[in-house]
Every structure is written in structure tokens, then in C-alpha cells.
C-alpha atoms as a PDB file:
ATOM      1  CA  MET A   1     -11.630 -17.485   2.546  1.00  0.00           C
ATOM      2  CA  ALA A   2     -10.292 -14.918   0.368  1.00  0.00           C
ATOM      3  CA  ARG A   3      -6.650 -15.112  -1.237  1.00  0.00           C
ATOM      4  CA  ASN A   4      -4.097 -12.556  -0.986  1.00  0.00           C
ATOM      5  CA  LEU A   5      -0.770 -12.281  -2.812  1.00  0.00           C
ATOM      6  CA  ILE A   6       1.737 -10.112  -0.902  1.00  0.00           C
ATOM      7  CA  LEU A   7       4.215  -8.654  -3.143  1.00  0.00           C
ATOM      8  CA  SER A   8       7.351  -8.093  -0.557  1.00  0.00           C
ATOM      9  CA  GLY A   9      11.058  -7.211  -0.213  1.00  0.00           C
ATOM     10  CA  GLY A  10      13.487  -4.298  -0.829  1.00  0.00           C
ATOM     11  CA  LEU A  11      15.870  -1.915   0.872  1.00  0.00           C
ATOM     12  CA  PHE A  12      15.678  -0.099   4.352  1.00  0.00           C
ATOM     13  CA  HIS A  13      12.788  -1.790   5.808  1.00  0.00           C
ATOM     14  CA  ASP A  14      12.167  -5.085   7.332  1.00  0.00           C
ATOM     15  CA  PHE A  15       9.758  -6.381   4.732  1.00  0.00           C
ATOM     16  CA  ALA A  16       9.731 -10.011   6.154  1.00  0.00           C
ATOM     17  CA  ALA A  17       8.331  -8.828   9.393  1.00  0.00           C
ATOM     18  CA  THR A  18       5.644  -6.184   8.248  1.00  0.00           C
ATOM     19  CA  SER A  19       4.419  -8.475   5.554  1.00  0.00           C
ATOM     20  CA  ALA A  20       3.993 -11.239   8.157  1.00  0.00           C
ATOM     21  CA  ALA A  21       2.409  -8.485  10.270  1.00  0.00           C
ATOM     22  CA  LEU A  22      -0.132  -7.575   7.766  1.00  0.00           C
ATOM     23  CA  ALA A  23      -0.861 -11.215   6.740  1.00  0.00           C
ATOM     24  CA  ASP A  24      -1.645 -11.675  10.465  1.00  0.00           C
ATOM     25  CA  VAL A  25      -4.033  -8.627  10.475  1.00  0.00           C
ATOM     26  CA  LEU A  26      -5.802  -9.529   7.400  1.00  0.00           C
ATOM     27  CA  GLY A  27      -6.230 -13.158   8.281  1.00  0.00           C
ATOM     28  CA  GLU A  28      -8.330 -12.088  11.552  1.00  0.00           C
ATOM     29  CA  VAL A  29     -11.211 -10.903   8.674  1.00  0.00           C
ATOM     30  CA  GLY A  30     -10.687 -14.328   6.390  1.00  0.00           C
ATOM     31  CA  VAL A  31      -7.945 -13.312   3.981  1.00  0.00           C
ATOM     32  CA  GLU A  32      -5.276 -15.738   3.705  1.00  0.00           C
ATOM     33  CA  SER A  33      -1.990 -14.615   2.282  1.00  0.00           C
ATOM     34  CA  GLU A  34       0.752 -15.734   0.521  1.00  0.00           C
ATOM     35  CA  ILE A  35       4.339 -13.793   0.543  1.00  0.00           C
ATOM     36  CA  THR A  36       6.813 -13.615  -2.123  1.00  0.00           C
ATOM     37  CA  GLU A  37       9.725 -11.442  -2.757  1.00  0.00           C
ATOM     38  CA  ASP A  38       9.888 -12.667  -6.488  1.00  0.00           C
ATOM     39  CA  ILE A  39       7.786  -9.870  -7.785  1.00  0.00           C
ATOM     40  CA  ALA A  40       8.193 -10.524 -11.487  1.00  0.00           C
ATOM     41  CA  GLY A  41       7.921 -14.206 -11.049  1.00  0.00           C
ATOM     42  CA  ALA A  42       4.718 -14.055  -9.049  1.00  0.00           C
ATOM     43  CA  LEU A  43       3.015 -11.430 -11.819  1.00  0.00           C
ATOM     44  CA  SER A  44       4.242 -13.667 -14.836  1.00  0.00           C
ATOM     45  CA  GLU A  45       0.820 -14.793 -15.228  1.00  0.00           C
ATOM     46  CA  PRO A  46      -2.410 -14.056 -13.531  1.00  0.00           C
ATOM     47  CA  PRO A  47      -2.392 -15.374  -9.860  1.00  0.00           C
ATOM     48  CA  GLU A  48      -5.527 -17.039  -8.645  1.00  0.00           C
ATOM     49  CA  VAL A  49      -6.402 -14.368  -5.944  1.00  0.00           C
ATOM     50  CA  GLN A  50      -8.944 -11.963  -5.146  1.00  0.00           C
ATOM     51  CA  LEU A  51      -6.598  -9.377  -3.573  1.00  0.00           C
ATOM     52  CA  ILE A  52      -2.840  -8.259  -4.210  1.00  0.00           C
ATOM     53  CA  THR A  53      -0.993  -6.325  -2.027  1.00  0.00           C
ATOM     54  CA  VAL A  54       2.516  -4.230  -2.490  1.00  0.00           C
ATOM     55  CA  ASN A  55       4.651  -3.965   0.736  1.00  0.00           C
ATOM     56  CA  ALA A  56       7.834  -3.546  -1.159  1.00  0.00           C
ATOM     57  CA  LEU A  57      10.553  -1.066  -2.075  1.00  0.00           C
ATOM     58  CA  ARG A  58      11.584  -1.924  -5.799  1.00  0.00           C
ATOM     59  CA  TRP A  59      12.441   0.909  -8.163  1.00  0.00           C
ATOM     60  CA  GLN A  60      15.113   1.730 -10.922  1.00  0.00           C
ATOM     61  CA  MET A  61      17.310   3.504  -8.160  1.00  0.00           C
ATOM     62  CA  GLY A  62      18.298   6.303 -10.672  1.00  0.00           C
ATOM     63  CA  GLN A  63      19.427   8.528  -8.040  1.00  0.00           C
ATOM     64  CA  ASP A  64      23.146   8.944  -7.304  1.00  0.00           C
ATOM     65  CA  ARG A  65      22.992   8.044  -3.708  1.00  0.00           C
ATOM     66  CA  PHE A  66      21.969   4.662  -4.443  1.00  0.00           C
ATOM     67  CA  ALA A  67      24.661   4.017  -7.292  1.00  0.00           C
ATOM     68  CA  ASP A  68      26.557   1.226  -5.152  1.00  0.00           C
ATOM     69  CA  LEU A  69      23.213  -0.852  -4.589  1.00  0.00           C
ATOM     70  CA  ARG A  70      21.643  -0.876  -7.968  1.00  0.00           C
ATOM     71  CA  GLY A  71      23.704  -3.836  -9.008  1.00  0.00           C
ATOM     72  CA  GLU A  72      21.839  -6.074  -6.585  1.00  0.00           C
ATOM     73  CA  TRP A  73      18.479  -3.954  -6.073  1.00  0.00           C
ATOM     74  CA  ARG A  74      17.655  -2.269  -9.281  1.00  0.00           C
ATOM     75  CA  PHE A  75      14.088  -3.394 -10.442  1.00  0.00           C
ATOM     76  CA  ALA A  76      12.189  -2.642 -13.461  1.00  0.00           C
ATOM     77  CA  LEU A  77       8.557  -3.861 -13.718  1.00  0.00           C
ATOM     78  CA  PRO A  78       7.969  -6.344 -16.753  1.00  0.00           C
ATOM     79  CA  ALA A  79       5.264  -5.661 -19.070  1.00  0.00           C
ATOM     80  CA  GLU A  80       3.657  -8.866 -18.433  1.00  0.00           C
ATOM     81  CA  ALA A  81       3.658  -7.989 -14.721  1.00  0.00           C
ATOM     82  CA  ARG A  82       2.028  -4.706 -15.388  1.00  0.00           C
ATOM     83  CA  THR A  83      -0.684  -6.307 -17.732  1.00  0.00           C
ATOM     84  CA  THR A  84      -1.350  -8.849 -14.992  1.00  0.00           C
ATOM     85  CA  LEU A  85      -2.076  -5.910 -12.360  1.00  0.00           C
ATOM     86  CA  LEU A  86      -4.357  -4.268 -14.765  1.00  0.00           C
ATOM     87  CA  ASP A  87      -6.163  -7.645 -15.645  1.00  0.00           C
ATOM     88  CA  HIS A  88      -6.605  -8.314 -11.967  1.00  0.00           C
ATOM     89  CA  LEU A  89      -8.351  -4.682 -11.603  1.00  0.00           C
ATOM     90  CA  ASP A  90     -10.399  -5.380 -14.927  1.00  0.00           C
ATOM     91  CA  ARG A  91     -11.581  -8.600 -13.372  1.00  0.00           C
ATOM     92  CA  GLY A  92     -12.804  -6.494 -10.233  1.00  0.00           C
ATOM     93  CA  GLY A  93      -9.742  -7.477  -7.967  1.00  0.00           C
ATOM     94  CA  GLY A  94      -8.532  -5.527  -5.084  1.00  0.00           C
ATOM     95  CA  LEU A  95      -5.241  -3.750  -4.762  1.00  0.00           C
ATOM     96  CA  LEU A  96      -3.762  -2.873  -1.260  1.00  0.00           C
ATOM     97  CA  CYS A  97      -0.567  -0.624  -1.338  1.00  0.00           C
ATOM     98  CA  MET A  98       1.328  -0.055   1.852  1.00  0.00           C
ATOM     99  CA  HIS A  99       3.913   2.567   2.486  1.00  0.00           C
ATOM    100  CA  THR A 100       6.820   2.497   0.094  1.00  0.00           C
ATOM    101  CA  ALA A 101       4.557   1.413  -2.807  1.00  0.00           C
ATOM    102  CA  ALA A 102       4.537   4.858  -3.806  1.00  0.00           C
ATOM    103  CA  VAL A 103       7.991   4.589  -4.602  1.00  0.00           C
ATOM    104  CA  CYS A 104       7.781   1.449  -6.587  1.00  0.00           C
ATOM    105  CA  PHE A 105       7.724   0.814 -10.269  1.00  0.00           C
ATOM    106  CA  ASP A 106       8.907   4.133 -11.354  1.00  0.00           C
ATOM    107  CA  ASP A 107       9.628   2.881 -14.875  1.00  0.00           C
ATOM    108  CA  TRP A 108       5.922   2.295 -15.392  1.00  0.00           C
ATOM    109  CA  GLN A 109       4.097   5.564 -16.155  1.00  0.00           C
ATOM    110  CA  GLY A 110       0.978   4.162 -15.539  1.00  0.00           C
ATOM    111  CA  TRP A 111       1.617   3.198 -11.599  1.00  0.00           C
ATOM    112  CA  PRO A 112       0.806   6.692 -10.198  1.00  0.00           C
ATOM    113  CA  ARG A 113      -2.424   6.559 -12.059  1.00  0.00           C
ATOM    114  CA  VAL A 114      -3.465   3.380 -10.572  1.00  0.00           C
ATOM    115  CA  LEU A 115      -2.133   4.250  -6.853  1.00  0.00           C
ATOM    116  CA  GLY A 116      -3.331   7.734  -7.136  1.00  0.00           C
ATOM    117  CA  GLY A 117      -0.140   9.400  -6.332  1.00  0.00           C
ATOM    118  CA  SER A 118       3.750   8.751  -5.972  1.00  0.00           C
ATOM    119  CA  TRP A 119       6.858   9.531  -4.396  1.00  0.00           C
ATOM    120  CA  ASN A 120       8.592  12.600  -6.200  1.00  0.00           C
ATOM    121  CA  TRP A 121      12.447  12.326  -5.441  1.00  0.00           C
ATOM    122  CA  PRO A 122      13.315  16.076  -5.747  1.00  0.00           C
ATOM    123  CA  LYS A 123      10.669  17.222  -3.466  1.00  0.00           C
ATOM    124  CA  SER A 124       8.875  14.248  -1.298  1.00  0.00           C
ATOM    125  CA  HIS A 125      10.372  13.496   1.960  1.00  0.00           C
ATOM    126  CA  HIS A 126       9.490  12.106   5.446  1.00  0.00           C
ATOM    127  CA  PRO A 127      10.389  13.452   8.956  1.00  0.00           C
ATOM    128  CA  PRO A 128      12.435  10.889  11.266  1.00  0.00           C
ATOM    129  CA  LEU A 129      10.645   7.678  12.289  1.00  0.00           C
ATOM    130  CA  GLY A 130       8.665   8.601  15.480  1.00  0.00           C
ATOM    131  CA  TRP A 131       5.202   9.190  17.274  1.00  0.00           C
ATOM    132  CA  THR A 132       2.767  10.994  15.049  1.00  0.00           C
ATOM    133  CA  GLY A 133      -0.931  11.680  15.347  1.00  0.00           C
ATOM    134  CA  VAL A 134      -3.142  10.386  12.575  1.00  0.00           C
ATOM    135  CA  ARG A 135      -6.223  12.321  11.990  1.00  0.00           C
ATOM    136  CA  VAL A 136      -8.869  10.324  10.395  1.00  0.00           C
ATOM    137  CA  HIS A 137     -11.654  11.705   8.113  1.00  0.00           C
ATOM    138  CA  GLY A 138     -14.551   9.681   9.291  1.00  0.00           C
ATOM    139  CA  ALA A 139     -17.253  10.783   7.148  1.00  0.00           C
ATOM    140  CA  ALA A 140     -14.996  10.318   4.164  1.00  0.00           C
ATOM    141  CA  HIS A 141     -15.528   6.809   3.560  1.00  0.00           C
ATOM    142  CA  PRO A 142     -16.932   3.396   4.897  1.00  0.00           C
ATOM    143  CA  ILE A 143     -13.277   2.644   5.519  1.00  0.00           C
ATOM    144  CA  VAL A 144     -12.927   5.085   8.493  1.00  0.00           C
ATOM    145  CA  ALA A 145     -16.594   5.743   9.360  1.00  0.00           C
ATOM    146  CA  GLY A 146     -16.567   5.621  13.208  1.00  0.00           C
ATOM    147  CA  LEU A 147     -12.730   5.360  13.573  1.00  0.00           C
ATOM    148  CA  ARG A 148     -11.161   7.801  15.914  1.00  0.00           C
ATOM    149  CA  ASP A 149      -7.944   9.682  15.508  1.00  0.00           C
ATOM    150  CA  PHE A 150      -4.867   7.760  16.691  1.00  0.00           C
ATOM    151  CA  ASP A 151      -1.248   8.000  17.658  1.00  0.00           C
ATOM    152  CA  LEU A 152       1.488   5.574  16.553  1.00  0.00           C
ATOM    153  CA  VAL A 153       5.182   5.159  15.713  1.00  0.00           C
ATOM    154  CA  ASP A 154       5.513   5.562  11.963  1.00  0.00           C
ATOM    155  CA  GLU A 155       7.077   7.561   9.093  1.00  0.00           C
ATOM    156  CA  VAL A 156       4.833  10.428   7.769  1.00  0.00           C
ATOM    157  CA  TYR A 157       5.437  10.464   3.851  1.00  0.00           C
ATOM    158  CA  SER A 158       5.206  14.040   2.949  1.00  0.00           C
ATOM    159  CA  ASP A 159       4.722  16.028  -0.268  1.00  0.00           C
ATOM    160  CA  LEU A 160       4.012  13.152  -2.517  1.00  0.00           C
ATOM    161  CA  ASP A 161       2.429  13.815  -5.885  1.00  0.00           C
ATOM    162  CA  VAL A 162      -1.197  12.966  -5.332  1.00  0.00           C
ATOM    163  CA  LEU A 163      -3.724  13.007  -8.296  1.00  0.00           C
ATOM    164  CA  PRO A 164      -6.359  15.649  -8.163  1.00  0.00           C
ATOM    165  CA  ASP A 165      -9.351  13.270  -7.377  1.00  0.00           C
ATOM    166  CA  VAL A 166      -7.717  11.689  -4.310  1.00  0.00           C
ATOM    167  CA  ARG A 167      -9.807  12.279  -1.286  1.00  0.00           C
ATOM    168  CA  PRO A 168      -7.790  11.692   2.051  1.00  0.00           C
ATOM    169  CA  LEU A 169      -9.425   9.024   4.442  1.00  0.00           C
ATOM    170  CA  ALA A 170      -6.518   9.768   7.104  1.00  0.00           C
ATOM    171  CA  SER A 171      -3.855  12.523   7.208  1.00  0.00           C
ATOM    172  CA  VAL A 172      -1.285  14.018   9.448  1.00  0.00           C
ATOM    173  CA  HIS A 173      -0.791  17.789   9.274  1.00  0.00           C
ATOM    174  CA  GLY A 174      -2.665  17.978   6.115  1.00  0.00           C
ATOM    175  CA  GLN A 175      -0.352  15.270   4.501  1.00  0.00           C
ATOM    176  CA  PRO A 176      -2.942  12.732   2.781  1.00  0.00           C
ATOM    177  CA  LEU A 177      -1.748   9.402   3.927  1.00  0.00           C
ATOM    178  CA  VAL A 178      -4.611   6.914   3.246  1.00  0.00           C
ATOM    179  CA  TRP A 179      -7.089   6.934   0.365  1.00  0.00           C
ATOM    180  CA  ALA A 180      -9.258   4.594  -1.544  1.00  0.00           C
ATOM    181  CA  ARG A 181     -10.531   4.849  -5.277  1.00  0.00           C
ATOM    182  CA  PRO A 182     -12.248   2.618  -7.670  1.00  0.00           C
ATOM    183  CA  VAL A 183      -9.898   1.814 -10.782  1.00  0.00           C
ATOM    184  CA  ARG A 184     -11.332  -0.128 -13.918  1.00  0.00           C
ATOM    185  CA  ARG A 185     -13.601  -2.646 -12.597  1.00  0.00           C
ATOM    186  CA  GLY A 186     -11.670  -2.909  -9.380  1.00  0.00           C
ATOM    187  CA  ARG A 187     -10.617  -0.894  -6.127  1.00  0.00           C
ATOM    188  CA  VAL A 188      -7.175   0.439  -4.767  1.00  0.00           C
ATOM    189  CA  VAL A 189      -6.439   1.550  -1.355  1.00  0.00           C
ATOM    190  CA  TYR A 190      -3.028   3.199  -0.512  1.00  0.00           C
ATOM    191  CA  ASP A 191      -2.043   3.250   3.134  1.00  0.00           C
ATOM    192  CA  ALA A 192       1.317   5.234   3.482  1.00  0.00           C
ATOM    193  CA  LEU A 193       1.954   4.157   7.117  1.00  0.00           C
ATOM    194  CA  GLY A 194       3.543   0.818   7.848  1.00  0.00           C
ATOM    195  CA  HIS A 195       7.304   1.454   8.292  1.00  0.00           C
ATOM    196  CA  ASP A 196       7.730  -1.183  10.830  1.00  0.00           C
ATOM    197  CA  THR A 197       5.834  -3.671  12.901  1.00  0.00           C
ATOM    198  CA  ARG A 198       4.981  -1.163  15.419  1.00  0.00           C
ATOM    199  CA  SER A 199       2.754   0.481  12.915  1.00  0.00           C
ATOM    200  CA  TYR A 200       0.699  -2.773  12.814  1.00  0.00           C
ATOM    201  CA  ASP A 201       0.278  -3.118  16.412  1.00  0.00           C
ATOM    202  CA  ASN A 202      -2.029  -0.193  16.803  1.00  0.00           C
ATOM    203  CA  GLU A 203      -5.582  -1.224  17.242  1.00  0.00           C
ATOM    204  CA  ILE A 204      -7.115   1.317  14.929  1.00  0.00           C
ATOM    205  CA  HIS A 205      -4.708   1.128  12.183  1.00  0.00           C
ATOM    206  CA  ARG A 206      -5.348  -2.635  12.388  1.00  0.00           C
ATOM    207  CA  SER A 207      -9.214  -1.876  12.268  1.00  0.00           C
ATOM    208  CA  LEU A 208      -8.411   0.545   9.190  1.00  0.00           C
ATOM    209  CA  LEU A 209      -6.594  -2.149   7.231  1.00  0.00           C
ATOM    210  CA  GLN A 210      -9.199  -4.805   7.807  1.00  0.00           C
ATOM    211  CA  ARG A 211     -11.941  -2.670   6.679  1.00  0.00           C
ATOM    212  CA  ALA A 212      -9.999  -1.684   3.613  1.00  0.00           C
ATOM    213  CA  ALA A 213      -9.484  -5.338   3.005  1.00  0.00           C
ATOM    214  CA  SER A 214     -13.205  -5.810   3.150  1.00  0.00           C
ATOM    215  CA  TRP A 215     -13.880  -2.873   0.781  1.00  0.00           C
ATOM    216  CA  LEU A 216     -11.449  -4.230  -1.887  1.00  0.00           C
ATOM    217  CA  LEU A 217     -13.053  -7.589  -1.717  1.00  0.00           C
ATOM    218  CA  LYS A 218     -16.401  -5.709  -2.138  1.00  0.00           C
ATOM    219  CA  ARG A 219     -17.620  -7.156   1.287  1.00  0.00           C
ATOM    220  CA  PRO A 220     -19.822  -5.303   3.662  1.00  0.00           C
ATOM    221  CA  VAL A 221     -17.609  -2.948   5.857  1.00  0.00           C
ATOM    222  CA  ASP A 222     -17.912  -2.988   9.485  1.00  0.00           C
ATOM    223  CA  ASP A 223     -18.870   0.315  10.769  1.00  0.00           C
ATOM    224  CA  THR A 224     -18.556   0.078  14.427  1.00  0.00           C
ATOM    225  CA  GLY A 225     -15.359   1.916  15.747  1.00  0.00           C
END
């Protein structure tokens, strides 16, 4: 069984619930997950895992609206943690990044180049949480081959800064929400969905995540819908 480290925790989301839900989804395809909110501690030395998942909202909080919260929640990713993530990819490991991962680690200029994009506070936004239709680009990648479009309750992250080489595997109204890319000797998947547990209740989204895990672990990807 492959091992996965889920880096969890932060503001405005029930990360305990979504990380547990994600662990259940991945457990169905033979991935055993450990969940921690001690991101710096967990990455202070190389974890013995094949997969690292970022399901957290931890950033520097430089925006004025968060001034009252900085004392408790402000976060900068230590240099040794950055090295751990890059070394993990150099060893061929997988990195699964969910929803708010695009906001995380904004003190590290290299993070958007790893992830493939980032939240831009002056322009990025999302409409209210609610039902949305996700378009699956089924010919784009084995992760989504044969999957149909689906509806779910979620937030649609919009107007992210996305690198030019990113090719979306799923989108909403032209907004790229899921992509996969090689980074160093490893692989990265970003899935902007996953605001709360309702997102993980959707059968197709679950299948997409399970396929993503298989691809990240360099296993055969099930191509049945």
C-alpha cells in the first residue's frame, strides 16, 4: 500500500473533514494517508511516503482584511520544508494539491512553478459556494479519459495566474480547475475543487481523484468511466 502525507489545516474551511474525506477516497485505491496540521514539522525532514497532499490554507496573510488573524495564522514555509518538497519530486514522488493549495506558501516564489499556478489577490476570486457544472476534457489525459461532465456543490476558483504550459483536464466556464504536469522527476496534480465534503461525495470527482493518485504514483490508470 502506498503512503500519503496530507498537509492540512487553516482558515475558513473544515479541513479536518475534507482531509478525512480525501483519505477515504484514496484509501479505496490502496493509498494509506496520515493527516497533519504541523506542516513545517512534517516537512522538516523527508517523510517516507510516495505521495504528499496539500489540503490547507496557510499563507503570509499580507492583506489588510486578515490583520486580526495574522498573530495566530500567519505562515511562512521554512527553507527546509521547501527542500523536502523539491527533493520528494526529484525522487519521483507525487504531489496532489487541493483547492486552497493555490493560495498557500506565498512566501516561496517557486511554489507557483511547482503547482502550475497561483491565487492572485488583486484579481482572483470565486462566486458563492453552490451548484456548478464541471466540464471534463476527456481526451486531454488518462486521469480524465472516459469520464463524463458532472455537477457538484463547490467553489469555482476564477482568474488564477496559470502558467502557459498548463493544459486543463477539467474546467468551469473556461476557468481551468484541474491539471496534471511533470515536475522534475515527479508529478503534480492540482484540483481546485474540494471546498467541503460535498465535493468528495460526487462519484465522478472521487473517480477523478483516485485516477489522479494512480497517475501520481505511476500506476496504471483505470480508463473506465
